[in-house]
Amino acid sequence: MGEKMFMRVEEVAESMDVSKPYAYQLIRQLNEELKSKGRITIAGRIDRKYFCEKFYGVQVDEKQGRI
């Protein structure tokens, strides 16, 4: 298994080139969207696939775990 399923705040902040407080805000917003869809979320972490879909508009290959 290559990359981990969830991204932590440090990785979000680095990939978006934003501060950690703003990355936390983004994660909270995305997690709220997932909760409204009935998904289980983890505070301070975001599903990597969902993050890529929302910010890069790409689907992650289910079998390979890659974009």
PDB file of N, CA and C in Angstrom:
ATOM      1  N   MET A   1       0.848  -1.178   0.000  1.00  0.00           N
ATOM      2  CA  MET A   1       0.000   0.000   0.000  1.00  0.00           C
ATOM      3  C   MET A   1       0.888   1.234   0.000  1.00  0.00           C
ATOM      4  N   GLY A   2       0.764   2.065  -1.008  1.00  0.00           N
ATOM      5  CA  GLY A   2       1.611   3.236  -1.164  1.00  0.00           C
ATOM      6  C   GLY A   2       1.312   4.327  -0.165  1.00  0.00           C
ATOM      7  N   GLU A   3       0.406   5.214  -0.524  1.00  0.00           N
ATOM      8  CA  GLU A   3       0.084   6.341   0.329  1.00  0.00           C
ATOM      9  C   GLU A   3      -0.985   5.943   1.345  1.00  0.00           C
ATOM     10  N   LYS A   4      -0.990   6.664   2.450  1.00  0.00           N
ATOM     11  CA  LYS A   4      -1.977   6.405   3.483  1.00  0.00           C
ATOM     12  C   LYS A   4      -3.337   6.909   3.027  1.00  0.00           C
ATOM     13  N   MET A   5      -4.380   6.342   3.607  1.00  0.00           N
ATOM     14  CA  MET A   5      -5.746   6.669   3.241  1.00  0.00           C
ATOM     15  C   MET A   5      -6.130   8.099   3.639  1.00  0.00           C
ATOM     16  N   PHE A   6      -5.615   8.580   4.773  1.00  0.00           N
ATOM     17  CA  PHE A   6      -5.971   9.903   5.272  1.00  0.00           C
ATOM     18  C   PHE A   6      -4.782  10.841   5.238  1.00  0.00           C
ATOM     19  N   MET A   7      -5.098  12.109   5.008  1.00  0.00           N
ATOM     20  CA  MET A   7      -4.091  13.165   5.054  1.00  0.00           C
ATOM     21  C   MET A   7      -4.231  13.884   6.384  1.00  0.00           C
ATOM     22  N   ARG A   8      -3.113  14.208   7.002  1.00  0.00           N
ATOM     23  CA  ARG A   8      -3.112  14.991   8.239  1.00  0.00           C
ATOM     24  C   ARG A   8      -2.934  16.461   7.885  1.00  0.00           C
ATOM     25  N   VAL A   9      -3.123  17.300   8.884  1.00  0.00           N
ATOM     26  CA  VAL A   9      -3.092  18.744   8.659  1.00  0.00           C
ATOM     27  C   VAL A   9      -1.776  19.215   8.056  1.00  0.00           C
ATOM     28  N   GLU A  10      -0.663  18.647   8.461  1.00  0.00           N
ATOM     29  CA  GLU A  10       0.638  19.062   7.928  1.00  0.00           C
ATOM     30  C   GLU A  10       0.715  18.822   6.420  1.00  0.00           C
ATOM     31  N   GLU A  11       0.215  17.680   5.987  1.00  0.00           N
ATOM     32  CA  GLU A  11       0.259  17.343   4.569  1.00  0.00           C
ATOM     33  C   GLU A  11      -0.685  18.241   3.758  1.00  0.00           C
ATOM     34  N   VAL A  12      -1.863  18.526   4.308  1.00  0.00           N
ATOM     35  CA  VAL A  12      -2.803  19.420   3.637  1.00  0.00           C
ATOM     36  C   VAL A  12      -2.190  20.817   3.523  1.00  0.00           C
ATOM     37  N   ALA A  13      -1.622  21.316   4.625  1.00  0.00           N
ATOM     38  CA  ALA A  13      -1.021  22.649   4.630  1.00  0.00           C
ATOM     39  C   ALA A  13       0.099  22.734   3.593  1.00  0.00           C
ATOM     40  N   GLU A  14       0.929  21.720   3.522  1.00  0.00           N
ATOM     41  CA  GLU A  14       2.045  21.719   2.578  1.00  0.00           C
ATOM     42  C   GLU A  14       1.555  21.630   1.132  1.00  0.00           C
ATOM     43  N   SER A  15       0.609  20.755   0.859  1.00  0.00           N
ATOM     44  CA  SER A  15       0.155  20.580  -0.515  1.00  0.00           C
ATOM     45  C   SER A  15      -0.607  21.790  -1.039  1.00  0.00           C
ATOM     46  N   MET A  16      -1.279  22.530  -0.139  1.00  0.00           N
ATOM     47  CA  MET A  16      -2.033  23.719  -0.550  1.00  0.00           C
ATOM     48  C   MET A  16      -1.241  25.005  -0.334  1.00  0.00           C
ATOM     49  N   ASP A  17      -0.077  24.896   0.276  1.00  0.00           N
ATOM     50  CA  ASP A  17       0.772  26.047   0.602  1.00  0.00           C
ATOM     51  C   ASP A  17       0.001  27.083   1.430  1.00  0.00           C
ATOM     52  N   VAL A  18      -0.613  26.571   2.521  1.00  0.00           N
ATOM     53  CA  VAL A  18      -1.367  27.414   3.453  1.00  0.00           C
ATOM     54  C   VAL A  18      -0.883  27.138   4.871  1.00  0.00           C
ATOM     55  N   SER A  19      -1.334  27.974   5.812  1.00  0.00           N
ATOM     56  CA  SER A  19      -0.958  27.779   7.210  1.00  0.00           C
ATOM     57  C   SER A  19      -1.691  26.574   7.797  1.00  0.00           C
ATOM     58  N   LYS A  20      -1.174  26.061   8.896  1.00  0.00           N
ATOM     59  CA  LYS A  20      -1.830  24.938   9.568  1.00  0.00           C
ATOM     60  C   LYS A  20      -3.230  25.300  10.059  1.00  0.00           C
ATOM     61  N   PRO A  21      -3.423  26.501  10.651  1.00  0.00           N
ATOM     62  CA  PRO A  21      -4.794  26.848  11.065  1.00  0.00           C
ATOM     63  C   PRO A  21      -5.785  26.845   9.889  1.00  0.00           C
ATOM     64  N   TYR A  22      -5.344  27.333   8.737  1.00  0.00           N
ATOM     65  CA  TYR A  22      -6.236  27.325   7.576  1.00  0.00           C
ATOM     66  C   TYR A  22      -6.465  25.901   7.079  1.00  0.00           C
ATOM     67  N   ALA A  23      -5.438  25.064   7.151  1.00  0.00           N
ATOM     68  CA  ALA A  23      -5.580  23.666   6.753  1.00  0.00           C
ATOM     69  C   ALA A  23      -6.600  22.968   7.660  1.00  0.00           C
ATOM     70  N   TYR A  24      -6.560  23.266   8.962  1.00  0.00           N
ATOM     71  CA  TYR A  24      -7.569  22.710   9.874  1.00  0.00           C
ATOM     72  C   TYR A  24      -8.965  23.156   9.450  1.00  0.00           C
ATOM     73  N   GLN A  25      -9.095  24.406   9.066  1.00  0.00           N
ATOM     74  CA  GLN A  25     -10.388  24.926   8.631  1.00  0.00           C
ATOM     75  C   GLN A  25     -10.885  24.175   7.384  1.00  0.00           C
ATOM     76  N   LEU A  26      -9.991  23.957   6.429  1.00  0.00           N
ATOM     77  CA  LEU A  26     -10.346  23.215   5.222  1.00  0.00           C
ATOM     78  C   LEU A  26     -10.773  21.794   5.555  1.00  0.00           C
ATOM     79  N   ILE A  27     -10.020  21.146   6.439  1.00  0.00           N
ATOM     80  CA  ILE A  27     -10.344  19.774   6.827  1.00  0.00           C
ATOM     81  C   ILE A  27     -11.709  19.714   7.501  1.00  0.00           C
ATOM     82  N   ARG A  28     -11.981  20.675   8.399  1.00  0.00           N
ATOM     83  CA  ARG A  28     -13.292  20.707   9.063  1.00  0.00           C
ATOM     84  C   ARG A  28     -14.417  20.857   8.035  1.00  0.00           C
ATOM     85  N   GLN A  29     -14.221  21.740   7.071  1.00  0.00           N
ATOM     86  CA  GLN A  29     -15.234  21.966   6.045  1.00  0.00           C
ATOM     87  C   GLN A  29     -15.472  20.700   5.217  1.00  0.00           C
ATOM     88  N   LEU A  30     -14.396  20.081   4.779  1.00  0.00           N
ATOM     89  CA  LEU A  30     -14.528  18.860   3.979  1.00  0.00           C
ATOM     90  C   LEU A  30     -15.160  17.732   4.790  1.00  0.00           C
ATOM     91  N   ASN A  31     -14.782  17.622   6.062  1.00  0.00           N
ATOM     92  CA  ASN A  31     -15.377  16.590   6.908  1.00  0.00           C
ATOM     93  C   ASN A  31     -16.868  16.822   7.122  1.00  0.00           C
ATOM     94  N   GLU A  32     -17.287  18.082   7.219  1.00  0.00           N
ATOM     95  CA  GLU A  32     -18.713  18.390   7.336  1.00  0.00           C
ATOM     96  C   GLU A  32     -19.461  17.935   6.087  1.00  0.00           C
ATOM     97  N   GLU A  33     -18.858  18.159   4.917  1.00  0.00           N
ATOM     98  CA  GLU A  33     -19.467  17.702   3.673  1.00  0.00           C
ATOM     99  C   GLU A  33     -19.611  16.185   3.673  1.00  0.00           C
ATOM    100  N   LEU A  34     -18.566  15.499   4.118  1.00  0.00           N
ATOM    101  CA  LEU A  34     -18.623  14.040   4.166  1.00  0.00           C
ATOM    102  C   LEU A  34     -19.669  13.558   5.163  1.00  0.00           C
ATOM    103  N   LYS A  35     -19.757  14.204   6.336  1.00  0.00           N
ATOM    104  CA  LYS A  35     -20.767  13.830   7.335  1.00  0.00           C
ATOM    105  C   LYS A  35     -22.164  13.989   6.776  1.00  0.00           C
ATOM    106  N   SER A  36     -22.398  15.059   6.017  1.00  0.00           N
ATOM    107  CA  SER A  36     -23.726  15.277   5.446  1.00  0.00           C
ATOM    108  C   SER A  36     -24.099  14.198   4.427  1.00  0.00           C
ATOM    109  N   LYS A  37     -23.081  13.514   3.900  1.00  0.00           N
ATOM    110  CA  LYS A  37     -23.303  12.408   2.972  1.00  0.00           C
ATOM    111  C   LYS A  37     -23.374  11.068   3.702  1.00  0.00           C
ATOM    112  N   GLY A  38     -23.318  11.120   5.043  1.00  0.00           N
ATOM    113  CA  GLY A  38     -23.421   9.895   5.838  1.00  0.00           C
ATOM    114  C   GLY A  38     -22.115   9.162   6.046  1.00  0.00           C
ATOM    115  N   ARG A  39     -21.002   9.810   5.758  1.00  0.00           N
ATOM    116  CA  ARG A  39     -19.690   9.173   5.927  1.00  0.00           C
ATOM    117  C   ARG A  39     -19.160   9.402   7.339  1.00  0.00           C
ATOM    118  N   ILE A  40     -18.350   8.496   7.807  1.00  0.00           N
ATOM    119  CA  ILE A  40     -17.679   8.641   9.094  1.00  0.00           C
ATOM    120  C   ILE A  40     -16.392   9.424   8.858  1.00  0.00           C
ATOM    121  N   THR A  41     -16.099  10.366   9.738  1.00  0.00           N
ATOM    122  CA  THR A  41     -14.903  11.192   9.583  1.00  0.00           C
ATOM    123  C   THR A  41     -14.035  11.108  10.830  1.00  0.00           C
ATOM    124  N   ILE A  42     -12.800  11.553  10.696  1.00  0.00           N
ATOM    125  CA  ILE A  42     -11.847  11.611  11.810  1.00  0.00           C
ATOM    126  C   ILE A  42     -11.371  13.053  11.916  1.00  0.00           C
ATOM    127  N   ALA A  43     -11.515  13.625  13.093  1.00  0.00           N
ATOM    128  CA  ALA A  43     -11.116  15.024  13.297  1.00  0.00           C
ATOM    129  C   ALA A  43      -9.630  15.200  12.982  1.00  0.00           C
ATOM    130  N   GLY A  44      -9.309  16.271  12.251  1.00  0.00           N
ATOM    131  CA  GLY A  44      -7.916  16.575  11.939  1.00  0.00           C
ATOM    132  C   GLY A  44      -7.333  15.768  10.804  1.00  0.00           C
ATOM    133  N   ARG A  45      -8.184  14.953  10.148  1.00  0.00           N
ATOM    134  CA  ARG A  45      -7.725  14.152   9.010  1.00  0.00           C
ATOM    135  C   ARG A  45      -8.802  14.183   7.932  1.00  0.00           C
ATOM    136  N   ILE A  46      -8.373  14.042   6.695  1.00  0.00           N
ATOM    137  CA  ILE A  46      -9.317  14.026   5.584  1.00  0.00           C
ATOM    138  C   ILE A  46      -8.967  12.878   4.645  1.00  0.00           C
ATOM    139  N   ASP A  47      -9.991  12.250   4.126  1.00  0.00           N
ATOM    140  CA  ASP A  47      -9.805  11.162   3.174  1.00  0.00           C
ATOM    141  C   ASP A  47      -9.051  11.689   1.950  1.00  0.00           C
ATOM    142  N   ARG A  48      -7.977  11.034   1.597  1.00  0.00           N
ATOM    143  CA  ARG A  48      -7.109  11.483   0.504  1.00  0.00           C
ATOM    144  C   ARG A  48      -7.871  11.555  -0.823  1.00  0.00           C
ATOM    145  N   LYS A  49      -8.703  10.557  -1.122  1.00  0.00           N
ATOM    146  CA  LYS A  49      -9.458  10.546  -2.373  1.00  0.00           C
ATOM    147  C   LYS A  49     -10.397  11.739  -2.461  1.00  0.00           C
ATOM    148  N   TYR A  50     -11.106  12.014  -1.368  1.00  0.00           N
ATOM    149  CA  TYR A  50     -12.055  13.120  -1.362  1.00  0.00           C
ATOM    150  C   TYR A  50     -11.322  14.450  -1.532  1.00  0.00           C
ATOM    151  N   PHE A  51     -10.190  14.582  -0.854  1.00  0.00           N
ATOM    152  CA  PHE A  51      -9.382  15.792  -0.977  1.00  0.00           C
ATOM    153  C   PHE A  51      -8.971  16.016  -2.432  1.00  0.00           C
ATOM    154  N   CYS A  52      -8.469  14.989  -3.082  1.00  0.00           N
ATOM    155  CA  CYS A  52      -8.021  15.108  -4.476  1.00  0.00           C
ATOM    156  C   CYS A  52      -9.181  15.431  -5.400  1.00  0.00           C
ATOM    157  N   GLU A  53     -10.331  14.824  -5.154  1.00  0.00           N
ATOM    158  CA  GLU A  53     -11.497  15.106  -5.982  1.00  0.00           C
ATOM    159  C   GLU A  53     -11.936  16.559  -5.836  1.00  0.00           C
ATOM    160  N   LYS A  54     -11.955  17.078  -4.614  1.00  0.00           N
ATOM    161  CA  LYS A  54     -12.426  18.438  -4.359  1.00  0.00           C
ATOM    162  C   LYS A  54     -11.454  19.499  -4.870  1.00  0.00           C
ATOM    163  N   PHE A  55     -10.166  19.307  -4.674  1.00  0.00           N
ATOM    164  CA  PHE A  55      -9.205  20.344  -5.017  1.00  0.00           C
ATOM    165  C   PHE A  55      -8.563  20.196  -6.391  1.00  0.00           C
ATOM    166  N   TYR A  56      -8.440  18.976  -6.864  1.00  0.00           N
ATOM    167  CA  TYR A  56      -7.772  18.778  -8.143  1.00  0.00           C
ATOM    168  C   TYR A  56      -8.713  18.289  -9.232  1.00  0.00           C
ATOM    169  N   GLY A  57      -9.950  17.926  -8.838  1.00  0.00           N
ATOM    170  CA  GLY A  57     -10.938  17.469  -9.804  1.00  0.00           C
ATOM    171  C   GLY A  57     -10.578  16.156 -10.457  1.00  0.00           C
ATOM    172  N   VAL A  58      -9.841  15.314  -9.734  1.00  0.00           N
ATOM    173  CA  VAL A  58      -9.437  14.023 -10.284  1.00  0.00           C
ATOM    174  C   VAL A  58      -9.938  12.895  -9.400  1.00  0.00           C
ATOM    175  N   GLN A  59     -10.172  11.786 -10.015  1.00  0.00           N
ATOM    176  CA  GLN A  59     -10.595  10.584  -9.309  1.00  0.00           C
ATOM    177  C   GLN A  59      -9.361   9.742  -8.995  1.00  0.00           C
ATOM    178  N   VAL A  60      -9.349   9.128  -7.824  1.00  0.00           N
ATOM    179  CA  VAL A  60      -8.254   8.249  -7.440  1.00  0.00           C
ATOM    180  C   VAL A  60      -8.624   6.840  -7.863  1.00  0.00           C
ATOM    181  N   ASP A  61      -7.699   6.151  -8.525  1.00  0.00           N
ATOM    182  CA  ASP A  61      -7.915   4.779  -8.961  1.00  0.00           C
ATOM    183  C   ASP A  61      -8.076   3.886  -7.749  1.00  0.00           C
ATOM    184  N   GLU A  62      -9.244   3.246  -7.610  1.00  0.00           N
ATOM    185  CA  GLU A  62      -9.567   2.413  -6.453  1.00  0.00           C
ATOM    186  C   GLU A  62      -8.580   1.256  -6.304  1.00  0.00           C
ATOM    187  N   LYS A  63      -8.235   0.615  -7.405  1.00  0.00           N
ATOM    188  CA  LYS A  63      -7.382  -0.569  -7.357  1.00  0.00           C
ATOM    189  C   LYS A  63      -5.930  -0.207  -7.040  1.00  0.00           C
ATOM    190  N   GLN A  64      -5.467   0.872  -7.643  1.00  0.00           N
ATOM    191  CA  GLN A  64      -4.064   1.250  -7.491  1.00  0.00           C
ATOM    192  C   GLN A  64      -3.843   2.214  -6.334  1.00  0.00           C
ATOM    193  N   GLY A  65      -4.911   2.919  -5.884  1.00  0.00           N
ATOM    194  CA  GLY A  65      -4.750   3.902  -4.830  1.00  0.00           C
ATOM    195  C   GLY A  65      -4.008   5.143  -5.291  1.00  0.00           C
ATOM    196  N   ARG A  66      -4.015   5.358  -6.614  1.00  0.00           N
ATOM    197  CA  ARG A  66      -3.300   6.497  -7.192  1.00  0.00           C
ATOM    198  C   ARG A  66      -4.232   7.333  -8.051  1.00  0.00           C
ATOM    199  N   ILE A  67      -3.775   8.525  -8.359  1.00  0.00           N
ATOM    200  CA  ILE A  67      -4.523   9.421  -9.247  1.00  0.00           C
ATOM    201  C   ILE A  67      -4.355   8.943 -10.670  1.00  0.00           C
TER     202      ILE A  67
END
